[in-house]
């Protein structure tokens, strides 16, 4: 009985294994690491921006000494809310863009690898 996982490895040389298995695995790992690094950096940038904004608001509130200062602080809150909304929108768009780029590159890599594997398997069977 023939098992699908039983194949004669002697028919594949090192270059064929590289082309069919190791090369594609390394390429996908590199793509995944690149994506993860970009995503983590985007998240760190966003976290720092939100933290800085929050701390700046606490400092501003601590400097309020009178009714006029409170009024100015409250007016400033509208601008801060607007800026945070824009920042959240931009951060979400950045993450979506990174995900789309990763999917597109993954699909292209998979298509290339399938084509290479078919060519390598065809050469090995001759």
Protein backbone atom coordinates (compact mmCIF):
# COMPACT_ATOMS: atom_id res chain seq x y z
CA UNK A 1 0.00 0.00 0.00
CA UNK A 2 1.39 3.42 -0.99
CA UNK A 3 1.50 6.07 1.70
CA UNK A 4 1.30 9.68 0.45
CA UNK A 5 4.11 10.59 2.82
CA UNK A 6 6.44 7.85 1.58
CA UNK A 7 8.53 9.22 -1.21
CA UNK A 8 12.02 8.55 -2.34
CA UNK A 9 14.08 11.45 -1.06
CA UNK A 10 17.01 10.32 -3.20
CA UNK A 11 15.27 11.73 -6.26
CA UNK A 12 15.55 15.24 -4.77
CA UNK A 13 18.90 16.96 -4.54
CA UNK A 14 19.77 19.82 -2.18
CA UNK A 15 18.81 22.48 -4.73
CA UNK A 16 15.42 20.88 -5.24
CA UNK A 17 14.77 20.70 -1.48
CA UNK A 18 15.83 24.35 -1.22
CA UNK A 19 13.48 25.34 -4.05
CA UNK A 20 10.51 23.27 -2.84
CA UNK A 21 10.71 23.50 0.94
CA UNK A 22 13.39 25.51 2.68
CA UNK A 23 13.44 28.56 0.39
CA UNK A 24 9.66 29.11 0.51
CA UNK A 25 9.59 28.52 4.28
CA UNK A 26 12.32 31.11 4.84
CA UNK A 27 10.63 33.60 2.49
CA UNK A 28 7.31 33.27 4.31
CA UNK A 29 9.04 33.52 7.71
CA UNK A 30 10.83 36.70 6.59
CA UNK A 31 7.54 38.17 5.35
CA UNK A 32 5.83 37.28 8.64
CA UNK A 33 8.62 38.78 10.75
CA UNK A 34 8.59 41.97 8.66
CA UNK A 35 4.80 42.28 9.04
CA UNK A 36 4.96 41.61 12.79
CA UNK A 37 7.73 44.18 13.25
CA UNK A 38 5.77 46.85 11.36
CA UNK A 39 2.60 46.06 13.32
CA UNK A 40 4.38 46.15 16.69
CA UNK A 41 6.08 49.44 15.80
CA UNK A 42 2.74 50.95 14.75
CA UNK A 43 1.21 49.84 18.05
CA UNK A 44 4.13 51.20 20.06
CA UNK A 45 3.94 54.55 18.24
CA UNK A 46 0.20 54.75 18.87
CA UNK A 47 0.56 53.81 22.54
CA UNK A 48 3.24 56.47 23.05
CA UNK A 49 1.13 59.11 21.32
CA UNK A 50 -1.94 58.28 23.44
CA UNK A 51 0.14 58.20 26.64
CA UNK A 52 1.80 61.52 25.83
CA UNK A 53 -1.59 63.09 25.12
CA UNK A 54 -3.05 61.76 28.37
CA UNK A 55 -0.10 62.98 30.43
CA UNK A 56 -0.23 66.39 28.75
CA UNK A 57 -3.91 66.66 29.65
CA UNK A 58 -3.25 65.77 33.28
CA UNK A 59 -0.49 68.40 33.42
CA UNK A 60 -2.81 70.99 31.87
CA UNK A 61 -5.52 70.20 34.40
CA UNK A 62 -3.04 70.47 37.27
CA UNK A 63 -2.18 74.00 36.08
CA UNK A 64 -5.80 75.20 36.29
CA UNK A 65 -5.93 77.85 39.01
CA UNK A 66 -9.21 79.66 38.39
CA UNK A 67 -12.47 79.66 36.44
CA UNK A 68 -10.82 81.21 33.38
CA UNK A 69 -8.14 78.52 33.40
CA UNK A 70 -10.82 75.82 33.68
CA UNK A 71 -12.74 77.34 30.76
CA UNK A 72 -9.59 77.39 28.62
CA UNK A 73 -8.82 73.80 29.61
CA UNK A 74 -12.34 72.64 28.71
CA UNK A 75 -12.17 74.40 25.34
CA UNK A 76 -8.88 72.68 24.69
CA UNK A 77 -10.51 69.31 25.36
CA UNK A 78 -12.56 69.63 22.18
CA UNK A 79 -9.39 70.02 20.14
CA UNK A 80 -7.75 67.09 21.96
CA UNK A 81 -10.81 64.91 21.29
CA UNK A 82 -10.70 65.86 17.61
CA UNK A 83 -6.98 65.08 17.37
CA UNK A 84 -7.42 61.74 19.12
CA UNK A 85 -10.27 60.80 16.79
CA UNK A 86 -8.07 61.60 13.79
CA UNK A 87 -5.18 59.67 15.32
CA UNK A 88 -7.41 56.62 15.96
CA UNK A 89 -8.67 56.75 12.39
CA UNK A 90 -5.13 57.02 11.01
CA UNK A 91 -3.88 54.18 13.23
CA UNK A 92 -6.75 51.91 12.14
CA UNK A 93 -6.05 52.71 8.48
CA UNK A 94 -2.35 51.94 9.00
CA UNK A 95 -3.14 48.51 10.49
CA UNK A 96 -5.59 47.68 7.69
CA UNK A 97 -2.99 48.74 5.12
CA UNK A 98 -0.34 46.55 6.77
CA UNK A 99 -2.74 43.59 6.78
CA UNK A 100 -3.68 44.07 3.13
CA UNK A 101 -0.02 44.35 2.14
CA UNK A 102 0.79 41.16 4.06
CA UNK A 103 -2.08 39.25 2.43
CA UNK A 104 -1.10 40.41 -1.06
CA UNK A 105 2.57 39.54 -0.56
CA UNK A 106 1.63 36.17 0.99
CA UNK A 107 -0.59 35.32 -1.99
CA UNK A 108 2.10 36.31 -4.47
CA UNK A 109 4.69 34.29 -2.55
CA UNK A 110 2.38 31.26 -2.47
CA UNK A 111 1.73 31.50 -6.21
CA UNK A 112 5.45 31.76 -6.94
CA UNK A 113 6.24 28.85 -4.63
CA UNK A 114 3.58 26.61 -6.19
CA UNK A 115 4.94 27.36 -9.64
CA UNK A 116 8.53 26.67 -8.53
CA UNK A 117 7.52 23.46 -6.76
CA UNK A 118 5.69 22.22 -9.84
CA UNK A 119 8.71 22.97 -12.04
CA UNK A 120 11.08 21.29 -9.56
CA UNK A 121 8.85 18.24 -9.20
CA UNK A 122 8.56 17.94 -12.98
CA UNK A 123 12.36 18.09 -13.37
CA UNK A 124 12.84 15.56 -10.55
CA UNK A 125 10.45 13.08 -12.10
CA UNK A 126 12.31 13.09 -15.44
